[in-house]
C-alpha atoms as a PDB file:
ATOM      1  CA  UNK A   1      88.479  59.870  97.746  1.00  0.00           C
ATOM      2  CA  UNK A   2      90.627  62.437  97.013  1.00  0.00           C
ATOM      3  CA  UNK A   3      94.106  61.860  98.879  1.00  0.00           C
ATOM      4  CA  UNK A   4      94.502  64.677 101.350  1.00  0.00           C
ATOM      5  CA  UNK A   5      98.422  64.922 100.567  1.00  0.00           C
ATOM      6  CA  UNK A   6      97.616  66.192  97.123  1.00  0.00           C
ATOM      7  CA  UNK A   7      95.941  69.519  98.855  1.00  0.00           C
ATOM      8  CA  UNK A   8      97.932  72.471  97.948  1.00  0.00           C
ATOM      9  CA  UNK A   9      99.451  74.736 100.454  1.00  0.00           C
ATOM     10  CA  UNK A  10      98.824  78.114 101.306  1.00  0.00           C
ATOM     11  CA  UNK A  11     101.624  80.859 101.558  1.00  0.00           C
ATOM     12  CA  UNK A  12     100.596  84.283 102.707  1.00  0.00           C
ATOM     13  CA  UNK A  13     102.414  88.059 103.005  1.00  0.00           C
ATOM     14  CA  UNK A  14     101.442  91.607 103.352  1.00  0.00           C
ATOM     15  CA  UNK A  15     103.093  91.853  99.835  1.00  0.00           C
ATOM     16  CA  UNK A  16     105.649  90.246  97.277  1.00  0.00           C
ATOM     17  CA  UNK A  17     108.088  89.503 100.232  1.00  0.00           C
ATOM     18  CA  UNK A  18     106.699  85.839 100.826  1.00  0.00           C
ATOM     19  CA  UNK A  19     107.739  84.715  97.383  1.00  0.00           C
ATOM     20  CA  UNK A  20     111.377  84.637  98.858  1.00  0.00           C
ATOM     21  CA  UNK A  21     109.861  81.854 100.996  1.00  0.00           C
ATOM     22  CA  UNK A  22     107.744  80.504  98.110  1.00  0.00           C
ATOM     23  CA  UNK A  23     111.310  79.721  96.183  1.00  0.00           C
ATOM     24  CA  UNK A  24     112.564  77.781  99.031  1.00  0.00           C
ATOM     25  CA  UNK A  25     109.430  75.779  99.505  1.00  0.00           C
ATOM     26  CA  UNK A  26     109.280  74.937  95.815  1.00  0.00           C
ATOM     27  CA  UNK A  27     113.101  73.908  95.759  1.00  0.00           C
ATOM     28  CA  UNK A  28     112.715  71.601  98.627  1.00  0.00           C
ATOM     29  CA  UNK A  29     109.044  70.554  97.947  1.00  0.00           C
ATOM     30  CA  UNK A  30     108.999  70.368  94.182  1.00  0.00           C
ATOM     31  CA  UNK A  31     105.940  68.324  94.250  1.00  0.00           C
ATOM     32  CA  UNK A  32     103.803  70.394  96.271  1.00  0.00           C
ATOM     33  CA  UNK A  33     100.816  72.489  94.724  1.00  0.00           C
ATOM     34  CA  UNK A  34     101.007  75.785  96.011  1.00  0.00           C
ATOM     35  CA  UNK A  35      98.815  78.720  96.570  1.00  0.00           C
ATOM     36  CA  UNK A  36      99.967  82.579  97.398  1.00  0.00           C
ATOM     37  CA  UNK A  37      98.069  85.295  98.945  1.00  0.00           C
ATOM     38  CA  UNK A  38      99.894  88.903  98.650  1.00  0.00           C
ATOM     39  CA  UNK A  39      97.557  91.140 100.979  1.00  0.00           C
ATOM     40  CA  UNK A  40      99.317  94.516  99.163  1.00  0.00           C
ATOM     41  CA  UNK A  41      96.479  96.554  99.115  1.00  0.00           C
ATOM     42  CA  UNK A  42      97.266  96.962 102.548  1.00  0.00           C
ATOM     43  CA  UNK A  43     100.932  97.065 102.655  1.00  0.00           C
ATOM     44  CA  UNK A  44     103.243  98.053 104.828  1.00  0.00           C
ATOM     45  CA  UNK A  45     102.014  95.906 107.519  1.00  0.00           C
ATOM     46  CA  UNK A  46     104.447  97.211 109.864  1.00  0.00           C
ATOM     47  CA  UNK A  47     102.265 100.328 110.245  1.00  0.00           C
ATOM     48  CA  UNK A  48      99.389  98.631 111.106  1.00  0.00           C
ATOM     49  CA  UNK A  49      97.627  97.671 114.317  1.00  0.00           C
ATOM     50  CA  UNK A  50      98.182  94.128 115.787  1.00  0.00           C
ATOM     51  CA  UNK A  51      94.337  93.508 115.689  1.00  0.00           C
ATOM     52  CA  UNK A  52      94.187  94.890 111.923  1.00  0.00           C
ATOM     53  CA  UNK A  53      96.965  92.462 111.083  1.00  0.00           C
ATOM     54  CA  UNK A  54      95.149  89.397 113.176  1.00  0.00           C
ATOM     55  CA  UNK A  55      91.862  90.063 111.295  1.00  0.00           C
ATOM     56  CA  UNK A  56      93.623  90.081 107.755  1.00  0.00           C
ATOM     57  CA  UNK A  57      95.147  86.485 108.786  1.00  0.00           C
ATOM     58  CA  UNK A  58      91.831  85.086 109.757  1.00  0.00           C
ATOM     59  CA  UNK A  59      90.276  86.037 106.671  1.00  0.00           C
ATOM     60  CA  UNK A  60      93.459  84.726 104.380  1.00  0.00           C
ATOM     61  CA  UNK A  61      93.310  81.512 106.599  1.00  0.00           C
ATOM     62  CA  UNK A  62      89.555  80.840 106.124  1.00  0.00           C
ATOM     63  CA  UNK A  63      90.267  81.638 102.258  1.00  0.00           C
ATOM     64  CA  UNK A  64      92.835  78.954 102.002  1.00  0.00           C
ATOM     65  CA  UNK A  65      90.786  76.524 103.912  1.00  0.00           C
ATOM     66  CA  UNK A  66      88.057  77.076 101.409  1.00  0.00           C
ATOM     67  CA  UNK A  67      90.634  76.272  98.881  1.00  0.00           C
ATOM     68  CA  UNK A  68      91.395  72.895 100.709  1.00  0.00           C
ATOM     69  CA  UNK A  69      94.995  73.737 101.843  1.00  0.00           C
ATOM     70  CA  UNK A  70      96.483  71.396 103.771  1.00  0.00           C
ATOM     71  CA  UNK A  71      98.811  73.693 105.680  1.00  0.00           C
ATOM     72  CA  UNK A  72      99.536  77.370 105.846  1.00  0.00           C
ATOM     73  CA  UNK A  73     102.822  79.493 105.969  1.00  0.00           C
ATOM     74  CA  UNK A  74     102.661  82.734 107.357  1.00  0.00           C
ATOM     75  CA  UNK A  75     105.362  84.527 105.142  1.00  0.00           C
ATOM     76  CA  UNK A  76     105.776  87.720 107.008  1.00  0.00           C
ATOM     77  CA  UNK A  77     107.828  88.610 110.120  1.00  0.00           C
ATOM     78  CA  UNK A  78     105.320  91.218 110.989  1.00  0.00           C
ATOM     79  CA  UNK A  79     102.306  88.685 110.323  1.00  0.00           C
ATOM     80  CA  UNK A  80     103.764  86.349 112.478  1.00  0.00           C
ATOM     81  CA  UNK A  81     104.550  88.397 115.458  1.00  0.00           C
ATOM     82  CA  UNK A  82     100.745  89.328 115.344  1.00  0.00           C
ATOM     83  CA  UNK A  83      98.516  86.609 114.334  1.00  0.00           C
ATOM     84  CA  UNK A  84     100.357  82.714 114.458  1.00  0.00           C
ATOM     85  CA  UNK A  85      99.384  82.430 118.306  1.00  0.00           C
ATOM     86  CA  UNK A  86      95.618  83.494 117.462  1.00  0.00           C
ATOM     87  CA  UNK A  87      95.742  81.002 114.369  1.00  0.00           C
ATOM     88  CA  UNK A  88      97.106  78.585 116.043  1.00  0.00           C
ATOM     89  CA  UNK A  89      94.467  78.513 118.790  1.00  0.00           C
ATOM     90  CA  UNK A  90      91.805  79.030 116.079  1.00  0.00           C
ATOM     91  CA  UNK A  91      93.056  75.846 113.828  1.00  0.00           C
ATOM     92  CA  UNK A  92      94.978  73.859 116.422  1.00  0.00           C
ATOM     93  CA  UNK A  93      95.159  70.451 114.020  1.00  0.00           C
ATOM     94  CA  UNK A  94      96.025  72.654 111.089  1.00  0.00           C
ATOM     95  CA  UNK A  95      99.783  72.759 110.356  1.00  0.00           C
ATOM     96  CA  UNK A  96     100.893  76.295 110.727  1.00  0.00           C
ATOM     97  CA  UNK A  97     104.232  77.781 110.041  1.00  0.00           C
ATOM     98  CA  UNK A  98     105.746  81.216 110.944  1.00  0.00           C
ATOM     99  CA  UNK A  99     108.685  83.441 110.524  1.00  0.00           C
ATOM    100  CA  UNK A 100     111.017  84.659 113.350  1.00  0.00           C
ATOM    101  CA  UNK A 101     114.487  86.298 112.452  1.00  0.00           C
ATOM    102  CA  UNK A 102     117.554  83.924 112.250  1.00  0.00           C
ATOM    103  CA  UNK A 103     118.908  85.065 116.229  1.00  0.00           C
ATOM    104  CA  UNK A 104     120.161  81.632 116.888  1.00  0.00           C
ATOM    105  CA  UNK A 105     121.860  80.638 113.671  1.00  0.00           C
ATOM    106  CA  UNK A 106     123.239  84.090 113.330  1.00  0.00           C
ATOM    107  CA  UNK A 107     124.768  83.798 117.042  1.00  0.00           C
ATOM    108  CA  UNK A 108     126.371  80.610 116.138  1.00  0.00           C
ATOM    109  CA  UNK A 109     127.907  81.793 113.016  1.00  0.00           C
ATOM    110  CA  UNK A 110     129.625  85.349 114.447  1.00  0.00           C
ATOM    111  CA  UNK A 111     133.131  85.260 114.901  1.00  0.00           C
ATOM    112  CA  UNK A 112     133.363  88.851 115.921  1.00  0.00           C
ATOM    113  CA  UNK A 113     130.583  88.599 118.450  1.00  0.00           C
ATOM    114  CA  UNK A 114     128.325  91.252 117.447  1.00  0.00           C
ATOM    115  CA  UNK A 115     125.303  90.483 114.892  1.00  0.00           C
ATOM    116  CA  UNK A 116     123.502  93.133 113.176  1.00  0.00           C
ATOM    117  CA  UNK A 117     119.478  92.679 112.484  1.00  0.00           C
ATOM    118  CA  UNK A 118     117.710  94.580 109.313  1.00  0.00           C
ATOM    119  CA  UNK A 119     114.265  94.363 109.924  1.00  0.00           C
ATOM    120  CA  UNK A 120     110.737  96.273 110.141  1.00  0.00           C
ATOM    121  CA  UNK A 121     110.099  98.365 113.215  1.00  0.00           C
ATOM    122  CA  UNK A 122     107.296  96.164 113.827  1.00  0.00           C
ATOM    123  CA  UNK A 123     109.288  93.054 114.278  1.00  0.00           C
ATOM    124  CA  UNK A 124     112.117  94.606 115.626  1.00  0.00           C
ATOM    125  CA  UNK A 125     109.633  96.125 118.970  1.00  0.00           C
ATOM    126  CA  UNK A 126     107.785  92.719 119.220  1.00  0.00           C
ATOM    127  CA  UNK A 127     107.970  90.910 122.229  1.00  0.00           C
ATOM    128  CA  UNK A 128     108.507  87.753 120.174  1.00  0.00           C
ATOM    129  CA  UNK A 129     111.738  89.354 118.887  1.00  0.00           C
ATOM    130  CA  UNK A 130     112.711  90.296 122.472  1.00  0.00           C
ATOM    131  CA  UNK A 131     112.323  86.768 123.526  1.00  0.00           C
ATOM    132  CA  UNK A 132     114.438  85.430 120.802  1.00  0.00           C
ATOM    133  CA  UNK A 133     116.943  87.921 121.830  1.00  0.00           C
ATOM    134  CA  UNK A 134     116.671  86.784 125.419  1.00  0.00           C
ATOM    135  CA  UNK A 135     116.724  83.062 124.792  1.00  0.00           C
ATOM    136  CA  UNK A 136     119.598  82.785 121.900  1.00  0.00           C
ATOM    137  CA  UNK A 137     121.881  86.214 122.001  1.00  0.00           C
ATOM    138  CA  UNK A 138     123.109  86.016 125.603  1.00  0.00           C
ATOM    139  CA  UNK A 139     126.688  85.832 124.404  1.00  0.00           C
ATOM    140  CA  UNK A 140     126.802  88.101 121.330  1.00  0.00           C
ATOM    141  CA  UNK A 141     126.116  91.944 121.161  1.00  0.00           C
ATOM    142  CA  UNK A 142     122.821  92.506 118.866  1.00  0.00           C
ATOM    143  CA  UNK A 143     122.682  95.794 117.251  1.00  0.00           C
ATOM    144  CA  UNK A 144     119.266  96.271 115.493  1.00  0.00           C
ATOM    145  CA  UNK A 145     118.534  98.750 112.450  1.00  0.00           C
ATOM    146  CA  UNK A 146     114.780  99.335 111.252  1.00  0.00           C
ATOM    147  CA  UNK A 147     114.666  99.852 107.524  1.00  0.00           C
ATOM    148  CA  UNK A 148     111.833 102.083 106.442  1.00  0.00           C
ATOM    149  CA  UNK A 149     111.158 102.255 102.919  1.00  0.00           C
ATOM    150  CA  UNK A 150     112.972  99.068 101.586  1.00  0.00           C
ATOM    151  CA  UNK A 151     109.787  96.909 101.614  1.00  0.00           C
ATOM    152  CA  UNK A 152     108.048  99.391  99.507  1.00  0.00           C
ATOM    153  CA  UNK A 153     110.893  99.895  96.835  1.00  0.00           C
ATOM    154  CA  UNK A 154     110.854  95.917  96.644  1.00  0.00           C
ATOM    155  CA  UNK A 155     107.158  96.024  96.123  1.00  0.00           C
ATOM    156  CA  UNK A 156     107.534  98.320  93.110  1.00  0.00           C
ATOM    157  CA  UNK A 157     110.173  96.068  91.450  1.00  0.00           C
ATOM    158  CA  UNK A 158     113.227  98.190  92.453  1.00  0.00           C
ATOM    159  CA  UNK A 159     115.733  96.016  93.095  1.00  0.00           C
ATOM    160  CA  UNK A 160     118.798  98.038  92.451  1.00  0.00           C
ATOM    161  CA  UNK A 161     118.244 101.641  91.803  1.00  0.00           C
ATOM    162  CA  UNK A 162     120.527 104.413  93.030  1.00  0.00           C
ATOM    163  CA  UNK A 163     117.994 105.710  95.454  1.00  0.00           C
ATOM    164  CA  UNK A 164     117.465 101.905  96.768  1.00  0.00           C
ATOM    165  CA  UNK A 165     121.116 101.539  96.967  1.00  0.00           C
ATOM    166  CA  UNK A 166     121.801 104.939  98.911  1.00  0.00           C
ATOM    167  CA  UNK A 167     118.841 103.438 101.428  1.00  0.00           C
ATOM    168  CA  UNK A 168     120.441 100.322 102.169  1.00  0.00           C
ATOM    169  CA  UNK A 169     124.008 101.057 102.604  1.00  0.00           C
ATOM    170  CA  UNK A 170     123.048 103.598 104.807  1.00  0.00           C
ATOM    171  CA  UNK A 171     121.321 101.478 107.189  1.00  0.00           C
ATOM    172  CA  UNK A 172     124.207  98.593 106.961  1.00  0.00           C
ATOM    173  CA  UNK A 173     127.136 101.273 107.406  1.00  0.00           C
ATOM    174  CA  UNK A 174     126.687 101.392 110.986  1.00  0.00           C
ATOM    175  CA  UNK A 175     126.356  97.879 111.506  1.00  0.00           C
ATOM    176  CA  UNK A 176     129.300  97.342 109.896  1.00  0.00           C
ATOM    177  CA  UNK A 177     131.149 100.315 111.664  1.00  0.00           C
ATOM    178  CA  UNK A 178     129.941  98.291 115.327  1.00  0.00           C
ATOM    179  CA  UNK A 179     131.874  95.441 113.874  1.00  0.00           C
ATOM    180  CA  UNK A 180     128.986  93.404 112.718  1.00  0.00           C
ATOM    181  CA  UNK A 181     130.195  90.442 110.827  1.00  0.00           C
ATOM    182  CA  UNK A 182     126.940  88.726 110.691  1.00  0.00           C
ATOM    183  CA  UNK A 183     123.678  90.317 109.058  1.00  0.00           C
ATOM    184  CA  UNK A 184     119.778  88.772 109.833  1.00  0.00           C
ATOM    185  CA  UNK A 185     117.233  89.631 106.892  1.00  0.00           C
ATOM    186  CA  UNK A 186     114.619  89.907 109.359  1.00  0.00           C
ATOM    187  CA  UNK A 187     111.888  90.477 106.489  1.00  0.00           C
ATOM    188  CA  UNK A 188     111.083  88.256 103.739  1.00  0.00           C
ATOM    189  CA  UNK A 189     111.327  90.939 101.456  1.00  0.00           C
ATOM    190  CA  UNK A 190     114.681  91.285 102.278  1.00  0.00           C
ATOM    191  CA  UNK A 191     116.456  88.327 100.819  1.00  0.00           C
ATOM    192  CA  UNK A 192     115.674  89.757  97.026  1.00  0.00           C
ATOM    193  CA  UNK A 193     118.423  92.729  98.311  1.00  0.00           C
ATOM    194  CA  UNK A 194     121.124  89.618  98.522  1.00  0.00           C
ATOM    195  CA  UNK A 195     122.850  90.581  95.193  1.00  0.00           C
ATOM    196  CA  UNK A 196     122.794  94.463  96.064  1.00  0.00           C
ATOM    197  CA  UNK A 197     123.945  93.710  99.446  1.00  0.00           C
ATOM    198  CA  UNK A 198     126.919  91.437  98.402  1.00  0.00           C
ATOM    199  CA  UNK A 199     128.147  94.761  96.346  1.00  0.00           C
ATOM    200  CA  UNK A 200     127.835  96.596  99.796  1.00  0.00           C
ATOM    201  CA  UNK A 201     129.265  94.671 102.288  1.00  0.00           C
ATOM    202  CA  UNK A 202     132.480  92.484 102.589  1.00  0.00           C
ATOM    203  CA  UNK A 203     133.052  89.129 101.407  1.00  0.00           C
ATOM    204  CA  UNK A 204     133.273  87.778 104.882  1.00  0.00           C
ATOM    205  CA  UNK A 205     130.074  89.265 106.178  1.00  0.00           C
ATOM    206  CA  UNK A 206     127.444  86.460 106.723  1.00  0.00           C
ATOM    207  CA  UNK A 207     123.572  86.873 105.275  1.00  0.00           C
ATOM    208  CA  UNK A 208     121.431  84.835 107.037  1.00  0.00           C
ATOM    209  CA  UNK A 209     117.134  84.734 106.159  1.00  0.00           C
ATOM    210  CA  UNK A 210     115.192  82.269 107.347  1.00  0.00           C
ATOM    211  CA  UNK A 211     113.115  80.845 104.004  1.00  0.00           C
ATOM    212  CA  UNK A 212     115.056  77.773 103.659  1.00  0.00           C
ATOM    213  CA  UNK A 213     114.542  77.148 107.290  1.00  0.00           C
ATOM    214  CA  UNK A 214     110.913  77.471 107.145  1.00  0.00           C
ATOM    215  CA  UNK A 215     110.760  75.020 104.064  1.00  0.00           C
ATOM    216  CA  UNK A 216     112.419  72.364 106.252  1.00  0.00           C
ATOM    217  CA  UNK A 217     109.703  72.991 109.187  1.00  0.00           C
ATOM    218  CA  UNK A 218     107.087  72.968 106.649  1.00  0.00           C
ATOM    219  CA  UNK A 219     108.571  69.570 105.459  1.00  0.00           C
ATOM    220  CA  UNK A 220     108.556  68.274 109.032  1.00  0.00           C
ATOM    221  CA  UNK A 221     105.303  69.101 109.844  1.00  0.00           C
ATOM    222  CA  UNK A 222     103.778  67.470 106.566  1.00  0.00           C
ATOM    223  CA  UNK A 223     106.155  64.682 106.911  1.00  0.00           C
ATOM    224  CA  UNK A 224     104.572  63.829 110.529  1.00  0.00           C
ATOM    225  CA  UNK A 225     101.121  63.881 109.232  1.00  0.00           C
ATOM    226  CA  UNK A 226     102.079  61.821 106.159  1.00  0.00           C
ATOM    227  CA  UNK A 227     100.940  64.850 104.211  1.00  0.00           C
ATOM    228  CA  UNK A 228     103.944  64.882 101.787  1.00  0.00           C
ATOM    229  CA  UNK A 229     102.688  64.777  98.583  1.00  0.00           C
ATOM    230  CA  UNK A 230     104.277  62.485  95.577  1.00  0.00           C
ATOM    231  CA  UNK A 231     103.199  64.946  92.607  1.00  0.00           C
ATOM    232  CA  UNK A 232     102.748  65.923  90.140  1.00  0.00           C
ATOM    233  CA  UNK A 233     102.196  69.945  91.411  1.00  0.00           C
ATOM    234  CA  UNK A 234     100.390  71.932  89.417  1.00  0.00           C
ATOM    235  CA  UNK A 235     101.180  75.054  88.818  1.00  0.00           C
ATOM    236  CA  UNK A 236     101.269  77.733  91.441  1.00  0.00           C
ATOM    237  CA  UNK A 237      97.972  79.765  92.187  1.00  0.00           C
ATOM    238  CA  UNK A 238      98.622  83.461  93.280  1.00  0.00           C
ATOM    239  CA  UNK A 239      95.927  86.649  94.594  1.00  0.00           C
ATOM    240  CA  UNK A 240      96.170  90.122  95.649  1.00  0.00           C
ATOM    241  CA  UNK A 241      94.073  92.432  97.081  1.00  0.00           C
ATOM    242  CA  UNK A 242      95.757  95.305  95.042  1.00  0.00           C
ATOM    243  CA  UNK A 243      95.545  95.170  91.166  1.00  0.00           C
ATOM    244  CA  UNK A 244      96.227  91.849  89.621  1.00  0.00           C
ATOM    245  CA  UNK A 245      98.495  93.533  86.846  1.00  0.00           C
ATOM    246  CA  UNK A 246     100.839  95.224  89.220  1.00  0.00           C
ATOM    247  CA  UNK A 247     101.649  91.456  90.775  1.00  0.00           C
ATOM    248  CA  UNK A 248     101.674  90.004  87.453  1.00  0.00           C
ATOM    249  CA  UNK A 249     104.289  92.740  86.177  1.00  0.00           C
ATOM    250  CA  UNK A 250     106.263  91.652  89.343  1.00  0.00           C
ATOM    251  CA  UNK A 251     105.902  87.933  89.247  1.00  0.00           C
ATOM    252  CA  UNK A 252     108.768  87.051  86.480  1.00  0.00           C
ATOM    253  CA  UNK A 253     110.895  89.274  88.496  1.00  0.00           C
ATOM    254  CA  UNK A 254     110.837  87.705  92.125  1.00  0.00           C
ATOM    255  CA  UNK A 255     109.391  84.385  91.022  1.00  0.00           C
ATOM    256  CA  UNK A 256     110.462  83.504  87.371  1.00  0.00           C
ATOM    257  CA  UNK A 257     107.161  82.961  85.903  1.00  0.00           C
ATOM    258  CA  UNK A 258     104.367  84.999  85.091  1.00  0.00           C
ATOM    259  CA  UNK A 259     101.438  82.731  86.275  1.00  0.00           C
ATOM    260  CA  UNK A 260      97.781  83.890  86.709  1.00  0.00           C
ATOM    261  CA  UNK A 261      96.728  86.327  89.192  1.00  0.00           C
ATOM    262  CA  UNK A 262      93.332  87.190  90.690  1.00  0.00           C
ATOM    263  CA  UNK A 263      92.183  89.469  92.785  1.00  0.00           C
ATOM    264  CA  UNK A 264      91.757  88.666  96.700  1.00  0.00           C
ATOM    265  CA  UNK A 265      88.461  90.672  97.867  1.00  0.00           C
ATOM    266  CA  UNK A 266      88.141  90.052 101.329  1.00  0.00           C
END
């Protein structure tokens, strides 16, 4: 009889941004086998309707279940906003972990009382994000900055060009000028920009993302269900709805490995 704890974990993003979460999951849970689907053929999700995103998430969820996944991580803020409630209703007993901008830890970390949020337009306009502000940011001033173009750069493997630097500097400067001492990275793509951000902001600025917190939540949910694996982990498997060659080229930059990549054609 197959051990349910040995089943893999499915991780999904609209593109390669969720690899920043995959790294944190592997760091915390090295015995777990991982599956990753990147819907690169439909990126960016920020420009898609909520119903389109929900449909894609349902397709990927079914794919993961066919692969025997014991849990699913929505490693995409925009997809979480649009689809996590729908998926939890559809699969009430399946562990599902979503993303949300780190408003609570940022509110606790700030000393100036001013927090900046770098995120996609879709995340910033969502009711879920507004609810986070209402719940955790009553005593701080939160300044939001939509960042069109950053996701596209990262998807192309651009982590340090002058164009990207100028783009990021233009988004960060008004936040710093307003007195922000804490920056929330509200998109799973943005942690890959931390080295560049460190060159653009003073050393005392706190930069917060949620990848590690998501890994801890996944660990908690699996532990409650006695589904934590003793290993050994199998090699991570990757699928993309765009050209496998494209993802295969970028993987060594963002994952430090060049695993096999297959087409996801749903």
